[in-house]
Amino acid sequence: MLKLSFRNQVLAGFAISIVLVFIVGILSFKSIKQLEEDTVWVDHTQKVIKTSNEVLQLLIDGETGMRGYGATANKTFLDPYNAAVPKITEHLYQLSNLVIDIRRKLNASIR
């Protein structure tokens, strides 16, 4: 076994400590970067869920208006339907734009 003087033992311990601090720093930096990326994806997912829920609610409003008109033949029941139809198209376009990056990522991973 290698015999080191007290001074060399202290220097070796100090050097090992410095290396460990750098390793912890690098791992912490990578962890923080991954957390930031995950946060962006969570926000994106929340936008997709919110837009999907808005589309669902508009579809329900339109269906309710059509059902009310079909049951009563009263055109005032078509107001929710007439208000919902243009918004559905707009929200579906937004939803399509939100998920296009996911589709690209999936297509790239399949190839």
Protein backbone atom coordinates (compact mmCIF):
# COMPACT_ATOMS: atom_id res chain seq x y z
CA MET A 1 0.00 0.00 0.00
CA LEU A 2 1.18 3.50 -0.86
CA LYS A 3 2.31 5.54 2.14
CA LEU A 4 1.54 9.25 1.81
CA SER A 5 2.68 12.01 4.07
CA PHE A 6 0.04 13.86 6.06
CA ARG A 7 0.31 16.84 3.71
CA ASN A 8 -0.24 14.65 0.62
CA GLN A 9 -3.18 12.94 2.31
CA VAL A 10 -4.79 16.32 2.97
CA LEU A 11 -4.15 17.45 -0.61
CA ALA A 12 -5.57 14.18 -1.99
CA GLY A 13 -8.66 14.56 0.18
CA PHE A 14 -9.06 18.15 -0.94
CA ALA A 15 -8.67 17.16 -4.62
CA ILE A 16 -11.25 14.38 -4.25
CA SER A 17 -13.62 16.83 -2.54
CA ILE A 18 -13.24 19.34 -5.38
CA VAL A 19 -13.91 16.63 -7.98
CA LEU A 20 -17.02 15.51 -6.08
CA VAL A 21 -18.28 19.10 -5.85
CA PHE A 22 -17.90 19.48 -9.63
CA ILE A 23 -19.71 16.20 -10.25
CA VAL A 24 -22.58 17.27 -7.97
CA GLY A 25 -22.68 20.65 -9.72
CA ILE A 26 -22.87 19.05 -13.17
CA LEU A 27 -25.59 16.62 -12.07
CA SER A 28 -27.54 19.46 -10.44
CA PHE A 29 -27.29 21.54 -13.62
CA LYS A 30 -28.57 18.63 -15.72
CA SER A 31 -31.39 18.03 -13.26
CA ILE A 32 -32.45 21.69 -13.37
CA LYS A 33 -32.41 21.70 -17.18
CA GLN A 34 -34.57 18.55 -17.22
CA LEU A 35 -36.97 20.16 -14.74
CA GLU A 36 -37.29 23.23 -16.97
CA GLU A 37 -38.00 21.05 -20.01
CA ASP A 38 -40.55 19.02 -18.08
CA THR A 39 -42.25 22.21 -16.91
CA VAL A 40 -42.58 23.41 -20.50
CA TRP A 41 -44.16 20.08 -21.48
CA VAL A 42 -46.56 20.19 -18.50
CA ASP A 43 -47.67 23.71 -19.50
CA HIS A 44 -48.11 22.52 -23.08
CA THR A 45 -50.15 19.53 -21.94
CA GLN A 46 -52.35 21.78 -19.82
CA LYS A 47 -53.04 23.97 -22.87
CA VAL A 48 -53.99 20.89 -24.91
CA ILE A 49 -56.32 19.66 -22.16
CA LYS A 50 -57.91 23.10 -21.77
CA THR A 51 -58.49 23.46 -25.52
CA SER A 52 -59.88 19.93 -25.72
CA ASN A 53 -62.30 20.68 -22.90
CA GLU A 54 -63.38 23.88 -24.64
CA VAL A 55 -64.06 21.91 -27.86
CA LEU A 56 -66.07 19.37 -25.87
CA GLN A 57 -68.11 22.10 -24.21
CA LEU A 58 -68.81 23.78 -27.57
CA LEU A 59 -69.91 20.45 -29.04
CA ILE A 60 -72.23 19.90 -26.08
CA ASP A 61 -73.66 23.42 -26.51
CA GLY A 62 -74.25 22.83 -30.21
CA GLU A 63 -75.83 19.44 -29.58
CA THR A 64 -78.06 20.90 -26.87
CA GLY A 65 -79.23 23.65 -29.21
CA MET A 66 -79.99 21.16 -31.99
CA ARG A 67 -81.86 18.90 -29.59
CA GLY A 68 -83.91 21.83 -28.26
CA TYR A 69 -84.77 22.92 -31.80
CA GLY A 70 -85.61 19.38 -32.85
CA ALA A 71 -87.94 18.93 -29.89
CA THR A 72 -89.72 22.29 -30.13
CA ALA A 73 -89.06 23.66 -33.64
CA ASN A 74 -88.36 26.97 -31.89
CA LYS A 75 -85.48 28.75 -33.63
CA THR A 76 -84.33 30.46 -30.44
CA PHE A 77 -82.96 27.09 -29.35
CA LEU A 78 -80.56 27.27 -32.32
CA ASP A 79 -78.71 30.23 -30.78
CA PRO A 80 -76.24 28.05 -28.83
CA TYR A 81 -75.69 25.94 -31.95
CA ASN A 82 -75.11 28.95 -34.18
CA ALA A 83 -72.72 30.45 -31.62
CA ALA A 84 -70.79 27.19 -31.14
CA VAL A 85 -70.18 26.11 -34.76
CA PRO A 86 -67.66 28.84 -35.75
CA LYS A 87 -65.88 28.53 -32.42
CA ILE A 88 -65.55 24.74 -32.82
CA THR A 89 -63.62 25.17 -36.05
CA GLU A 90 -61.38 27.79 -34.47
CA HIS A 91 -60.69 25.67 -31.39
CA LEU A 92 -60.01 22.56 -33.49
CA TYR A 93 -57.48 24.56 -35.49
CA GLN A 94 -55.82 25.70 -32.25
CA LEU A 95 -55.79 22.13 -30.97
CA SER A 96 -54.27 20.89 -34.21
CA ASN A 97 -51.50 23.48 -33.93
CA LEU A 98 -50.86 22.54 -30.31
CA VAL A 99 -50.39 18.84 -31.04
CA ILE A 100 -48.46 19.18 -34.31
CA ASP A 101 -45.13 19.11 -32.42
CA ILE A 102 -46.17 15.91 -30.69
CA ARG A 103 -47.08 14.33 -34.03
CA ARG A 104 -43.70 15.33 -35.47
CA LYS A 105 -41.91 13.87 -32.46
CA LEU A 106 -43.88 10.60 -32.74
CA ASN A 107 -43.22 10.35 -36.48
CA ALA A 108 -39.51 10.95 -35.91
CA SER A 109 -39.34 8.27 -33.23
CA ILE A 110 -41.13 5.74 -35.46
CA ARG A 111 -38.64 6.18 -38.29
